[in-house]
């Protein structure tokens, strides 16, 4: 599993834009910015739709006030699914990046086989990334939702900024 102080792996993500699906590299996405990245098992799933994403939508502005440049959500879904879910959830200020083949999750050691639920999926986690380097990583135990909540991450960002 990726550790605090390590640089994120260089992989590609997909994002749906007005011009179709574009591919972005980790370096393009994470260089020079402070980012809260959260990952979840899948778009349109119960906990992800009812609590995980909505928490970040609600607290989005407070993250920005604490010096976060971007909030990014990723999942082992395709760009079309993540875009549709973001629109359905009215999550306009959050950037959705598809890790369709699970390469990012796997490279970070955060890929898990969910069996009949959906096969290979990302673990539920959240991290603070500064200029591509992991500053904090909160990974939830399977079938729990405690450490990657928006409220927990907002406090973590506040504490991290105060300690800098």
N, C-alpha and C. Protein backbone atom coordinates (compact mmCIF):
# COMPACT_ATOMS: atom_id res chain seq x y z
N UNK A 1 0.85 -1.19 0.00
CA UNK A 1 0.00 0.00 0.00
C UNK A 1 0.88 1.24 0.00
N UNK A 2 0.49 2.22 -0.79
CA UNK A 2 1.24 3.48 -0.85
C UNK A 2 1.33 4.08 0.55
N UNK A 3 2.43 4.77 0.81
CA UNK A 3 2.69 5.32 2.14
C UNK A 3 2.77 6.84 2.10
N UNK A 4 2.60 7.44 3.25
CA UNK A 4 2.76 8.88 3.39
C UNK A 4 4.20 9.23 3.00
N UNK A 5 4.34 10.28 2.23
CA UNK A 5 5.65 10.71 1.76
C UNK A 5 6.03 10.16 0.39
N UNK A 6 5.25 9.22 -0.12
CA UNK A 6 5.53 8.66 -1.45
C UNK A 6 4.80 9.45 -2.53
N UNK A 7 5.42 9.48 -3.70
CA UNK A 7 4.81 10.12 -4.86
C UNK A 7 3.77 9.17 -5.45
N UNK A 8 2.68 9.73 -5.92
CA UNK A 8 1.65 8.91 -6.56
C UNK A 8 2.21 8.24 -7.80
N UNK A 9 1.74 7.04 -8.11
CA UNK A 9 2.22 6.36 -9.32
C UNK A 9 1.77 7.08 -10.58
N UNK A 10 2.57 6.94 -11.61
CA UNK A 10 2.25 7.56 -12.90
C UNK A 10 1.35 6.61 -13.69
N UNK A 11 0.08 6.97 -13.74
CA UNK A 11 -0.91 6.21 -14.50
C UNK A 11 -1.82 7.20 -15.24
N UNK A 12 -2.71 6.67 -16.04
CA UNK A 12 -3.65 7.52 -16.77
C UNK A 12 -5.06 7.35 -16.22
N UNK A 13 -5.78 8.44 -16.22
CA UNK A 13 -7.19 8.48 -15.84
C UNK A 13 -7.98 8.97 -17.05
N UNK A 14 -9.27 8.71 -17.06
CA UNK A 14 -10.13 9.24 -18.10
C UNK A 14 -11.18 10.15 -17.46
N UNK A 15 -11.55 11.15 -18.24
CA UNK A 15 -12.57 12.11 -17.79
C UNK A 15 -13.43 12.45 -18.99
N UNK A 16 -14.72 12.51 -18.77
CA UNK A 16 -15.64 12.91 -19.83
C UNK A 16 -15.75 14.43 -19.84
N UNK A 17 -15.52 15.01 -21.00
CA UNK A 17 -15.63 16.47 -21.17
C UNK A 17 -16.63 16.74 -22.28
N UNK A 18 -16.86 18.00 -22.56
CA UNK A 18 -17.75 18.39 -23.66
C UNK A 18 -17.24 17.88 -25.00
N UNK A 19 -15.94 17.62 -25.08
CA UNK A 19 -15.33 17.14 -26.32
C UNK A 19 -15.11 15.63 -26.32
N UNK A 20 -15.74 14.93 -25.40
CA UNK A 20 -15.58 13.48 -25.32
C UNK A 20 -14.64 13.08 -24.19
N UNK A 21 -14.22 11.84 -24.21
CA UNK A 21 -13.35 11.32 -23.16
C UNK A 21 -11.91 11.76 -23.43
N UNK A 22 -11.29 12.32 -22.40
CA UNK A 22 -9.89 12.70 -22.48
C UNK A 22 -9.10 11.87 -21.47
N UNK A 23 -7.84 11.65 -21.79
CA UNK A 23 -6.94 10.92 -20.90
C UNK A 23 -5.98 11.91 -20.26
N UNK A 24 -5.84 11.79 -18.95
CA UNK A 24 -4.95 12.68 -18.19
C UNK A 24 -3.99 11.82 -17.38
N UNK A 25 -2.75 12.25 -17.27
CA UNK A 25 -1.77 11.53 -16.48
C UNK A 25 -1.79 12.00 -15.03
N UNK A 26 -1.28 11.17 -14.16
CA UNK A 26 -1.16 11.55 -12.74
C UNK A 26 -0.38 12.85 -12.61
N UNK A 27 0.69 12.95 -13.38
CA UNK A 27 1.54 14.14 -13.30
C UNK A 27 0.74 15.40 -13.68
N UNK A 28 -0.05 15.32 -14.73
CA UNK A 28 -0.87 16.46 -15.15
C UNK A 28 -1.87 16.85 -14.07
N UNK A 29 -2.42 15.87 -13.41
CA UNK A 29 -3.50 16.11 -12.45
C UNK A 29 -2.99 16.63 -11.11
N UNK A 30 -1.92 16.04 -10.61
CA UNK A 30 -1.53 16.28 -9.22
C UNK A 30 -0.37 17.24 -9.03
N UNK A 31 0.36 17.59 -10.08
CA UNK A 31 1.54 18.46 -9.94
C UNK A 31 1.14 19.87 -9.54
N UNK A 32 1.82 20.37 -8.53
CA UNK A 32 1.69 21.77 -8.13
C UNK A 32 0.43 22.14 -7.40
N UNK A 33 -0.38 21.16 -6.99
CA UNK A 33 -1.63 21.49 -6.31
C UNK A 33 -1.81 20.67 -5.04
N UNK A 34 -2.63 21.21 -4.16
CA UNK A 34 -3.06 20.48 -2.97
C UNK A 34 -4.43 19.91 -3.29
N UNK A 35 -4.52 18.59 -3.20
CA UNK A 35 -5.73 17.89 -3.63
C UNK A 35 -6.20 16.93 -2.55
N UNK A 36 -7.50 16.89 -2.36
CA UNK A 36 -8.11 15.82 -1.58
C UNK A 36 -8.68 14.85 -2.60
N UNK A 37 -8.15 13.64 -2.56
CA UNK A 37 -8.59 12.57 -3.45
C UNK A 37 -9.34 11.55 -2.63
N UNK A 38 -10.54 11.22 -3.06
CA UNK A 38 -11.24 10.14 -2.38
C UNK A 38 -11.69 9.12 -3.41
N UNK A 39 -11.67 7.87 -2.98
CA UNK A 39 -12.03 6.77 -3.88
C UNK A 39 -13.08 5.92 -3.20
N UNK A 40 -13.88 5.30 -4.03
CA UNK A 40 -14.97 4.50 -3.52
C UNK A 40 -15.19 3.30 -4.40
N UNK A 41 -15.90 2.30 -3.88
CA UNK A 41 -16.08 1.06 -4.64
C UNK A 41 -16.84 1.23 -5.96
N UNK A 42 -17.79 2.15 -6.02
CA UNK A 42 -18.49 2.31 -7.28
C UNK A 42 -19.55 3.39 -7.26
N UNK A 43 -19.68 4.05 -8.39
CA UNK A 43 -20.74 5.05 -8.56
C UNK A 43 -22.10 4.38 -8.44
N UNK A 44 -23.05 5.12 -7.97
CA UNK A 44 -24.45 4.69 -7.84
C UNK A 44 -24.65 3.58 -6.80
N UNK A 45 -23.64 3.27 -6.00
CA UNK A 45 -23.81 2.26 -4.95
C UNK A 45 -24.33 2.96 -3.69
N UNK A 46 -24.97 2.20 -2.78
CA UNK A 46 -25.69 2.82 -1.66
C UNK A 46 -24.89 3.79 -0.79
N UNK A 47 -23.83 3.36 -0.14
CA UNK A 47 -23.08 4.24 0.75
C UNK A 47 -22.42 5.37 -0.02
N UNK A 48 -21.92 5.05 -1.20
CA UNK A 48 -21.24 6.05 -2.02
C UNK A 48 -22.20 7.18 -2.42
N UNK A 49 -23.42 6.81 -2.77
CA UNK A 49 -24.42 7.79 -3.22
C UNK A 49 -25.13 8.50 -2.08
N UNK A 50 -25.34 7.81 -0.98
CA UNK A 50 -26.10 8.39 0.13
C UNK A 50 -25.24 9.19 1.09
N UNK A 51 -23.94 8.88 1.18
CA UNK A 51 -23.13 9.51 2.21
C UNK A 51 -21.76 9.99 1.74
N UNK A 52 -21.00 9.12 1.05
CA UNK A 52 -19.61 9.48 0.76
C UNK A 52 -19.50 10.71 -0.14
N UNK A 53 -20.02 10.63 -1.34
CA UNK A 53 -19.97 11.78 -2.25
C UNK A 53 -20.75 12.98 -1.70
N UNK A 54 -21.97 12.80 -1.19
CA UNK A 54 -22.70 13.98 -0.69
C UNK A 54 -21.96 14.76 0.40
N UNK A 55 -21.19 14.08 1.23
CA UNK A 55 -20.41 14.78 2.25
C UNK A 55 -19.42 15.74 1.64
N UNK A 56 -18.74 15.30 0.60
CA UNK A 56 -17.77 16.18 -0.08
C UNK A 56 -18.46 17.30 -0.83
N UNK A 57 -19.63 17.03 -1.40
CA UNK A 57 -20.38 18.07 -2.08
C UNK A 57 -20.78 19.16 -1.09
N UNK A 58 -21.28 18.76 0.05
CA UNK A 58 -21.72 19.70 1.08
C UNK A 58 -20.57 20.54 1.63
N UNK A 59 -19.41 19.93 1.84
CA UNK A 59 -18.29 20.63 2.48
C UNK A 59 -17.26 21.17 1.49
N UNK A 60 -17.55 21.09 0.23
CA UNK A 60 -16.62 21.47 -0.83
C UNK A 60 -16.01 22.85 -0.59
N UNK A 61 -16.83 23.83 -0.37
CA UNK A 61 -16.35 25.20 -0.20
C UNK A 61 -15.43 25.33 1.01
N UNK A 62 -15.72 24.59 2.07
CA UNK A 62 -14.86 24.64 3.26
C UNK A 62 -13.48 24.05 2.97
N UNK A 63 -13.41 23.01 2.14
CA UNK A 63 -12.11 22.48 1.73
C UNK A 63 -11.32 23.54 0.98
N UNK A 64 -11.98 24.24 0.07
CA UNK A 64 -11.30 25.28 -0.70
C UNK A 64 -10.81 26.40 0.22
N UNK A 65 -11.60 26.75 1.23
CA UNK A 65 -11.20 27.77 2.19
C UNK A 65 -9.98 27.35 3.00
N UNK A 66 -9.75 26.05 3.12
CA UNK A 66 -8.60 25.53 3.85
C UNK A 66 -7.38 25.34 2.96
N UNK A 67 -7.45 25.82 1.72
CA UNK A 67 -6.29 25.77 0.84
C UNK A 67 -6.24 24.59 -0.11
N UNK A 68 -7.29 23.81 -0.17
CA UNK A 68 -7.36 22.70 -1.13
C UNK A 68 -7.67 23.29 -2.50
N UNK A 69 -6.88 22.92 -3.49
CA UNK A 69 -7.10 23.42 -4.84
C UNK A 69 -8.20 22.66 -5.57
N UNK A 70 -8.24 21.32 -5.34
CA UNK A 70 -9.24 20.49 -6.02
C UNK A 70 -9.64 19.32 -5.15
N UNK A 71 -10.87 18.90 -5.34
CA UNK A 71 -11.36 17.66 -4.75
C UNK A 71 -11.62 16.71 -5.91
N UNK A 72 -11.05 15.54 -5.82
CA UNK A 72 -11.17 14.56 -6.90
C UNK A 72 -11.77 13.27 -6.35
N UNK A 73 -12.70 12.72 -7.11
CA UNK A 73 -13.29 11.43 -6.81
C UNK A 73 -12.87 10.46 -7.90
N UNK A 74 -12.44 9.27 -7.50
CA UNK A 74 -12.10 8.24 -8.46
C UNK A 74 -12.74 6.92 -8.05
N UNK A 75 -12.98 6.09 -9.04
CA UNK A 75 -13.54 4.76 -8.83
C UNK A 75 -13.19 3.90 -10.04
N UNK A 76 -13.28 2.60 -9.85
CA UNK A 76 -13.06 1.67 -10.96
C UNK A 76 -14.38 1.57 -11.72
N UNK A 77 -14.70 2.67 -12.38
CA UNK A 77 -15.85 2.81 -13.27
C UNK A 77 -15.35 3.53 -14.50
N UNK A 78 -16.16 3.55 -15.56
CA UNK A 78 -15.75 4.29 -16.75
C UNK A 78 -16.14 5.76 -16.62
N UNK A 79 -15.58 6.57 -17.49
CA UNK A 79 -15.79 8.02 -17.44
C UNK A 79 -17.25 8.40 -17.64
N UNK A 80 -17.99 7.63 -18.42
CA UNK A 80 -19.41 7.94 -18.66
C UNK A 80 -20.24 7.73 -17.40
N UNK A 81 -19.97 6.65 -16.70
CA UNK A 81 -20.70 6.36 -15.46
C UNK A 81 -20.39 7.42 -14.41
N UNK A 82 -19.11 7.74 -14.22
CA UNK A 82 -18.75 8.73 -13.21
C UNK A 82 -19.33 10.10 -13.54
N UNK A 83 -19.33 10.48 -14.81
CA UNK A 83 -19.91 11.76 -15.21
C UNK A 83 -21.41 11.80 -14.93
N UNK A 84 -22.11 10.74 -15.29
CA UNK A 84 -23.56 10.69 -15.06
C UNK A 84 -23.87 10.73 -13.56
N UNK A 85 -23.07 10.03 -12.78
CA UNK A 85 -23.28 10.02 -11.33
C UNK A 85 -23.03 11.40 -10.73
N UNK A 86 -21.96 12.05 -11.18
CA UNK A 86 -21.66 13.40 -10.69
C UNK A 86 -22.78 14.37 -11.00
N UNK A 87 -23.35 14.27 -12.19
CA UNK A 87 -24.47 15.14 -12.55
C UNK A 87 -25.69 14.82 -11.71
N UNK A 88 -25.98 13.54 -11.53
CA UNK A 88 -27.14 13.13 -10.74
C UNK A 88 -27.01 13.60 -9.28
N UNK A 89 -25.79 13.62 -8.78
CA UNK A 89 -25.51 14.03 -7.40
C UNK A 89 -25.27 15.54 -7.26
N UNK A 90 -25.34 16.28 -8.38
CA UNK A 90 -25.11 17.73 -8.40
C UNK A 90 -23.77 18.08 -7.75
N UNK A 91 -22.73 17.38 -8.21
CA UNK A 91 -21.39 17.51 -7.63
C UNK A 91 -20.47 18.32 -8.54
N UNK A 92 -20.94 19.47 -9.00
CA UNK A 92 -20.23 20.26 -9.99
C UNK A 92 -18.82 20.68 -9.65
N UNK A 93 -18.48 20.88 -8.39
CA UNK A 93 -17.14 21.34 -8.02
C UNK A 93 -16.15 20.21 -7.80
N UNK A 94 -16.60 18.98 -7.95
CA UNK A 94 -15.73 17.82 -7.74
C UNK A 94 -15.34 17.27 -9.11
N UNK A 95 -14.07 16.96 -9.26
CA UNK A 95 -13.56 16.39 -10.50
C UNK A 95 -13.64 14.87 -10.42
N UNK A 96 -14.28 14.26 -11.40
CA UNK A 96 -14.43 12.80 -11.43
C UNK A 96 -13.44 12.21 -12.43
N UNK A 97 -12.59 11.32 -11.94
CA UNK A 97 -11.59 10.67 -12.77
C UNK A 97 -11.80 9.17 -12.75
N UNK A 98 -11.99 8.62 -13.93
CA UNK A 98 -12.24 7.19 -14.06
C UNK A 98 -10.92 6.42 -14.03
N UNK A 99 -10.90 5.41 -13.18
CA UNK A 99 -9.80 4.45 -13.11
C UNK A 99 -10.36 3.13 -13.61
N UNK A 100 -10.85 3.15 -14.85
CA UNK A 100 -11.64 2.06 -15.40
C UNK A 100 -11.04 0.69 -15.29
N UNK A 101 -9.76 0.55 -15.49
CA UNK A 101 -9.10 -0.75 -15.40
C UNK A 101 -8.50 -1.00 -14.02
N UNK A 102 -8.66 -0.04 -13.12
CA UNK A 102 -8.14 -0.20 -11.77
C UNK A 102 -6.62 -0.06 -11.67
N UNK A 103 -5.99 0.52 -12.66
CA UNK A 103 -4.52 0.62 -12.65
C UNK A 103 -3.99 1.51 -11.54
N UNK A 104 -4.68 2.63 -11.28
CA UNK A 104 -4.25 3.52 -10.20
C UNK A 104 -4.43 2.82 -8.85
N UNK A 105 -5.61 2.27 -8.63
CA UNK A 105 -5.87 1.57 -7.37
C UNK A 105 -4.87 0.44 -7.16
N UNK A 106 -4.58 -0.30 -8.21
CA UNK A 106 -3.63 -1.40 -8.10
C UNK A 106 -2.22 -0.90 -7.80
N UNK A 107 -1.79 0.15 -8.50
CA UNK A 107 -0.45 0.70 -8.30
C UNK A 107 -0.28 1.27 -6.88
N UNK A 108 -1.38 1.71 -6.29
CA UNK A 108 -1.35 2.23 -4.92
C UNK A 108 -1.54 1.14 -3.88
N UNK A 109 -1.80 -0.09 -4.32
CA UNK A 109 -2.06 -1.17 -3.38
C UNK A 109 -3.43 -1.07 -2.75
N UNK A 110 -4.36 -0.44 -3.45
CA UNK A 110 -5.70 -0.19 -2.91
C UNK A 110 -6.80 -0.82 -3.76
N UNK A 111 -6.45 -1.85 -4.50
CA UNK A 111 -7.42 -2.59 -5.31
C UNK A 111 -7.83 -3.84 -4.55
N UNK A 112 -9.12 -4.15 -4.59
CA UNK A 112 -9.64 -5.31 -3.85
C UNK A 112 -10.63 -6.06 -4.74
N UNK A 113 -10.68 -7.35 -4.57
CA UNK A 113 -11.65 -8.16 -5.30
C UNK A 113 -12.93 -8.21 -4.49
N UNK A 114 -13.97 -7.60 -5.02
CA UNK A 114 -15.25 -7.54 -4.30
C UNK A 114 -16.16 -8.72 -4.66
N UNK A 115 -15.62 -9.66 -5.40
CA UNK A 115 -16.39 -10.85 -5.75
C UNK A 115 -17.57 -10.52 -6.63
N UNK A 116 -18.72 -11.09 -6.29
CA UNK A 116 -19.92 -10.90 -7.09
C UNK A 116 -20.47 -9.48 -7.07
N UNK A 117 -20.02 -8.66 -6.11
CA UNK A 117 -20.48 -7.28 -6.05
C UNK A 117 -20.10 -6.53 -7.32
N UNK A 118 -18.90 -6.78 -7.82
CA UNK A 118 -18.47 -6.04 -9.00
C UNK A 118 -17.07 -6.38 -9.45
N UNK A 119 -16.49 -7.42 -8.87
CA UNK A 119 -15.14 -7.80 -9.27
C UNK A 119 -14.10 -6.89 -8.65
N UNK A 120 -13.09 -6.54 -9.42
CA UNK A 120 -12.01 -5.71 -8.90
C UNK A 120 -12.50 -4.27 -8.74
N UNK A 121 -12.37 -3.77 -7.54
CA UNK A 121 -12.82 -2.42 -7.19
C UNK A 121 -11.78 -1.72 -6.34
N UNK A 122 -11.91 -0.43 -6.24
CA UNK A 122 -11.06 0.34 -5.34
C UNK A 122 -11.55 0.17 -3.91
N UNK A 123 -10.61 0.15 -2.99
CA UNK A 123 -10.98 0.23 -1.58
C UNK A 123 -11.55 1.63 -1.35
N UNK A 124 -12.27 1.80 -0.26
CA UNK A 124 -12.78 3.12 0.11
C UNK A 124 -11.68 3.83 0.90
N UNK A 125 -11.23 4.97 0.38
CA UNK A 125 -10.17 5.71 1.06
C UNK A 125 -10.24 7.18 0.68
N UNK A 126 -9.45 7.98 1.39
CA UNK A 126 -9.27 9.39 1.05
C UNK A 126 -7.85 9.77 1.41
N UNK A 127 -7.30 10.69 0.63
CA UNK A 127 -5.93 11.13 0.90
C UNK A 127 -5.77 12.62 0.61
N UNK A 128 -4.79 13.19 1.27
CA UNK A 128 -4.34 14.55 0.95
C UNK A 128 -3.08 14.37 0.12
N UNK A 129 -3.05 15.01 -1.04
CA UNK A 129 -1.91 14.93 -1.94
C UNK A 129 -1.43 16.35 -2.19
N UNK A 130 -0.15 16.58 -1.96
CA UNK A 130 0.44 17.89 -2.20
C UNK A 130 1.55 17.74 -3.23
N UNK A 131 1.38 18.36 -4.38
CA UNK A 131 2.33 18.29 -5.49
C UNK A 131 2.69 16.84 -5.82
N UNK A 132 1.68 15.98 -5.84
CA UNK A 132 1.86 14.58 -6.22
C UNK A 132 2.35 13.66 -5.13
N UNK A 133 2.57 14.18 -3.92
CA UNK A 133 3.09 13.38 -2.81
C UNK A 133 1.99 13.19 -1.76
N UNK A 134 1.82 11.96 -1.31
CA UNK A 134 0.80 11.63 -0.32
C UNK A 134 1.20 12.23 1.03
N UNK A 135 0.31 13.05 1.58
CA UNK A 135 0.52 13.67 2.88
C UNK A 135 -0.27 12.97 4.00
N UNK A 136 -1.39 12.38 3.62
CA UNK A 136 -2.24 11.66 4.57
C UNK A 136 -3.02 10.63 3.77
N UNK A 137 -3.19 9.45 4.35
CA UNK A 137 -3.97 8.39 3.70
C UNK A 137 -4.85 7.74 4.75
N UNK A 138 -6.15 7.82 4.54
CA UNK A 138 -7.14 7.18 5.42
C UNK A 138 -7.86 6.10 4.62
N UNK A 139 -7.66 4.85 5.00
CA UNK A 139 -8.26 3.72 4.31
C UNK A 139 -9.29 3.08 5.23
N UNK A 140 -10.51 2.96 4.76
CA UNK A 140 -11.56 2.31 5.54
C UNK A 140 -11.42 0.80 5.46
N UNK A 141 -11.70 0.14 6.56
CA UNK A 141 -11.75 -1.31 6.57
C UNK A 141 -12.91 -1.75 5.67
N UNK A 142 -12.85 -2.96 5.13
CA UNK A 142 -13.94 -3.43 4.27
C UNK A 142 -15.31 -3.28 4.95
N UNK A 143 -16.26 -2.82 4.15
CA UNK A 143 -17.65 -2.65 4.57
C UNK A 143 -17.83 -1.66 5.72
N UNK A 144 -16.87 -0.71 5.85
CA UNK A 144 -17.02 0.37 6.83
C UNK A 144 -16.90 1.70 6.09
N UNK A 145 -17.34 2.74 6.76
CA UNK A 145 -17.27 4.09 6.21
C UNK A 145 -17.04 5.03 7.38
N UNK A 146 -15.78 5.21 7.76
CA UNK A 146 -15.44 6.03 8.92
C UNK A 146 -14.31 7.01 8.63
N UNK A 147 -13.20 6.51 8.08
CA UNK A 147 -11.99 7.31 7.96
C UNK A 147 -11.95 8.19 6.72
N UNK A 148 -12.72 7.85 5.70
CA UNK A 148 -12.67 8.61 4.44
C UNK A 148 -13.83 9.60 4.31
N UNK A 149 -14.60 9.78 5.36
CA UNK A 149 -15.71 10.73 5.33
C UNK A 149 -15.21 12.15 5.11
N UNK A 150 -16.01 12.96 4.47
CA UNK A 150 -15.65 14.35 4.22
C UNK A 150 -15.36 15.10 5.51
N UNK A 151 -16.15 14.88 6.54
CA UNK A 151 -15.95 15.58 7.81
C UNK A 151 -14.60 15.25 8.42
N UNK A 152 -14.21 13.98 8.35
CA UNK A 152 -12.92 13.54 8.88
C UNK A 152 -11.79 14.16 8.06
N UNK A 153 -11.96 14.17 6.74
CA UNK A 153 -10.92 14.71 5.87
C UNK A 153 -10.80 16.23 6.00
N UNK A 154 -11.91 16.92 6.21
CA UNK A 154 -11.84 18.37 6.40
C UNK A 154 -11.03 18.69 7.65
N UNK A 155 -11.25 17.95 8.72
CA UNK A 155 -10.47 18.16 9.94
C UNK A 155 -9.00 17.82 9.70
N UNK A 156 -8.75 16.76 8.94
CA UNK A 156 -7.37 16.37 8.62
C UNK A 156 -6.66 17.45 7.81
N UNK A 157 -7.36 18.04 6.85
CA UNK A 157 -6.78 19.12 6.05
C UNK A 157 -6.48 20.32 6.94
N UNK A 158 -7.41 20.66 7.81
CA UNK A 158 -7.23 21.79 8.73
C UNK A 158 -6.01 21.56 9.60
N UNK A 159 -5.88 20.36 10.17
CA UNK A 159 -4.74 20.02 11.03
C UNK A 159 -3.44 20.03 10.23
N UNK A 160 -3.47 19.48 9.03
CA UNK A 160 -2.27 19.40 8.20
C UNK A 160 -1.80 20.80 7.82
N UNK A 161 -2.74 21.67 7.44
CA UNK A 161 -2.37 23.05 7.07
C UNK A 161 -1.79 23.79 8.28
N UNK A 162 -2.37 23.58 9.46
CA UNK A 162 -1.89 24.26 10.66
C UNK A 162 -0.48 23.80 11.04
N UNK A 163 -0.13 22.57 10.73
CA UNK A 163 1.18 22.02 11.09
C UNK A 163 2.27 22.38 10.08
N UNK A 164 1.89 22.92 8.94
CA UNK A 164 2.88 23.23 7.88
C UNK A 164 3.72 24.41 8.21
